[in-house]
Amino acid sequence: MQWGSLTEFWAMGGYGLYVWTSFGASALCMVWEVLAVWRRHAAAASRDVS
């Protein structure tokens, strides 16, 4: 697919809202998972020290 302008790229042929919301939700879930794993690892490491 080719776009004539940046506005057309962001609009994605009328599906831009769905596309960019999906990308944002996916990115949020990935960041959330990384933070959750980091917190669980830190909690487990602090229990092993004692």
N, C-alpha and C. Protein backbone atom coordinates (compact mmCIF):
# COMPACT_ATOMS: atom_id res chain seq x y z
N MET A 1 0.85 -1.18 0.00
CA MET A 1 0.00 0.00 0.00
C MET A 1 0.89 1.24 0.00
N GLN A 2 0.52 2.23 -0.76
CA GLN A 2 1.29 3.46 -0.83
C GLN A 2 0.42 4.62 -0.35
N TRP A 3 1.05 5.51 0.41
CA TRP A 3 0.34 6.67 0.92
C TRP A 3 0.94 7.93 0.30
N GLY A 4 0.07 8.89 0.02
CA GLY A 4 0.52 10.13 -0.59
C GLY A 4 0.99 11.16 0.42
N SER A 5 0.61 10.98 1.68
CA SER A 5 1.01 11.95 2.71
C SER A 5 1.05 11.24 4.06
N LEU A 6 1.61 11.92 5.02
CA LEU A 6 1.68 11.37 6.37
C LEU A 6 0.28 11.22 6.97
N THR A 7 -0.62 12.12 6.64
CA THR A 7 -2.00 12.03 7.12
C THR A 7 -2.68 10.77 6.61
N GLU A 8 -2.45 10.43 5.35
CA GLU A 8 -3.02 9.20 4.80
C GLU A 8 -2.42 7.97 5.47
N PHE A 9 -1.13 8.05 5.81
CA PHE A 9 -0.49 6.94 6.52
C PHE A 9 -1.14 6.72 7.88
N TRP A 10 -1.34 7.80 8.65
CA TRP A 10 -1.95 7.67 9.98
C TRP A 10 -3.40 7.21 9.89
N ALA A 11 -4.10 7.59 8.81
CA ALA A 11 -5.50 7.19 8.64
C ALA A 11 -5.62 5.73 8.22
N MET A 12 -4.59 5.18 7.57
CA MET A 12 -4.58 3.78 7.14
C MET A 12 -5.83 3.38 6.36
N GLY A 13 -6.25 4.22 5.47
CA GLY A 13 -7.40 3.90 4.65
C GLY A 13 -8.70 3.80 5.43
N GLY A 14 -8.80 4.53 6.52
CA GLY A 14 -10.01 4.50 7.33
C GLY A 14 -9.92 3.56 8.52
N TYR A 15 -8.87 2.75 8.59
CA TYR A 15 -8.72 1.79 9.68
C TYR A 15 -7.69 2.24 10.71
N GLY A 16 -7.22 3.47 10.60
CA GLY A 16 -6.17 3.98 11.48
C GLY A 16 -6.49 3.89 12.95
N LEU A 17 -7.71 4.24 13.33
CA LEU A 17 -8.07 4.19 14.75
C LEU A 17 -7.92 2.77 15.29
N TYR A 18 -8.41 1.79 14.54
CA TYR A 18 -8.29 0.40 14.97
C TYR A 18 -6.83 -0.05 15.00
N VAL A 19 -6.09 0.27 13.95
CA VAL A 19 -4.70 -0.16 13.84
C VAL A 19 -3.86 0.42 14.96
N TRP A 20 -3.93 1.74 15.15
CA TRP A 20 -3.07 2.38 16.14
C TRP A 20 -3.50 2.06 17.57
N THR A 21 -4.81 1.86 17.80
CA THR A 21 -5.27 1.43 19.12
C THR A 21 -4.75 0.03 19.42
N SER A 22 -4.76 -0.84 18.43
CA SER A 22 -4.25 -2.20 18.61
C SER A 22 -2.75 -2.19 18.91
N PHE A 23 -2.00 -1.40 18.16
CA PHE A 23 -0.57 -1.30 18.43
C PHE A 23 -0.31 -0.75 19.83
N GLY A 24 -1.04 0.26 20.23
CA GLY A 24 -0.87 0.84 21.55
C GLY A 24 -1.21 -0.14 22.66
N ALA A 25 -2.31 -0.86 22.51
CA ALA A 25 -2.70 -1.85 23.52
C ALA A 25 -1.67 -2.97 23.61
N SER A 26 -1.15 -3.40 22.48
CA SER A 26 -0.13 -4.45 22.47
C SER A 26 1.15 -3.98 23.15
N ALA A 27 1.57 -2.77 22.85
CA ALA A 27 2.77 -2.21 23.47
C ALA A 27 2.58 -2.07 24.97
N LEU A 28 1.41 -1.62 25.39
CA LEU A 28 1.13 -1.48 26.82
C LEU A 28 1.19 -2.83 27.52
N CYS A 29 0.62 -3.86 26.91
CA CYS A 29 0.65 -5.21 27.50
C CYS A 29 2.08 -5.74 27.60
N MET A 30 2.90 -5.48 26.59
CA MET A 30 4.28 -5.96 26.63
C MET A 30 5.08 -5.25 27.72
N VAL A 31 4.88 -3.95 27.86
CA VAL A 31 5.58 -3.21 28.92
C VAL A 31 5.10 -3.67 30.28
N TRP A 32 3.80 -3.87 30.44
CA TRP A 32 3.23 -4.34 31.70
C TRP A 32 3.83 -5.71 32.07
N GLU A 33 3.94 -6.61 31.10
CA GLU A 33 4.49 -7.94 31.36
C GLU A 33 5.94 -7.87 31.81
N VAL A 34 6.74 -7.03 31.15
CA VAL A 34 8.15 -6.88 31.53
C VAL A 34 8.25 -6.36 32.96
N LEU A 35 7.45 -5.37 33.29
CA LEU A 35 7.48 -4.82 34.66
C LEU A 35 7.02 -5.85 35.69
N ALA A 36 5.99 -6.64 35.35
CA ALA A 36 5.49 -7.66 36.27
C ALA A 36 6.56 -8.74 36.51
N VAL A 37 7.22 -9.16 35.46
CA VAL A 37 8.29 -10.16 35.60
C VAL A 37 9.42 -9.59 36.44
N TRP A 38 9.79 -8.35 36.19
CA TRP A 38 10.86 -7.71 36.96
C TRP A 38 10.51 -7.65 38.45
N ARG A 39 9.26 -7.28 38.75
CA ARG A 39 8.83 -7.21 40.16
C ARG A 39 8.81 -8.59 40.81
N ARG A 40 8.32 -9.60 40.08
CA ARG A 40 8.31 -10.97 40.63
C ARG A 40 9.73 -11.47 40.86
N HIS A 41 10.62 -11.15 39.95
CA HIS A 41 12.02 -11.57 40.12
C HIS A 41 12.64 -10.89 41.33
N ALA A 42 12.37 -9.60 41.48
CA ALA A 42 12.94 -8.87 42.63
C ALA A 42 12.38 -9.42 43.95
N ALA A 43 11.09 -9.75 43.96
CA ALA A 43 10.47 -10.31 45.18
C ALA A 43 11.06 -11.67 45.50
N ALA A 44 11.25 -12.49 44.50
CA ALA A 44 11.82 -13.83 44.70
C ALA A 44 13.27 -13.74 45.15
N ALA A 45 14.02 -12.81 44.58
CA ALA A 45 15.43 -12.64 44.95
C ALA A 45 15.56 -12.15 46.38
N SER A 46 14.66 -11.30 46.82
CA SER A 46 14.75 -10.79 48.19
C SER A 46 14.38 -11.88 49.20
N ARG A 47 13.53 -12.83 48.83
CA ARG A 47 13.21 -13.94 49.73
C ARG A 47 14.35 -14.93 49.82
N ASP A 48 15.14 -15.09 48.76
CA ASP A 48 16.24 -16.05 48.75
C ASP A 48 17.44 -15.56 49.56
N VAL A 49 17.57 -14.27 49.78
CA VAL A 49 18.72 -13.71 50.47
C VAL A 49 18.71 -14.09 51.95
N SER A 50 17.57 -14.15 52.57
CA SER A 50 17.51 -14.41 54.01
C SER A 50 17.77 -15.84 54.31
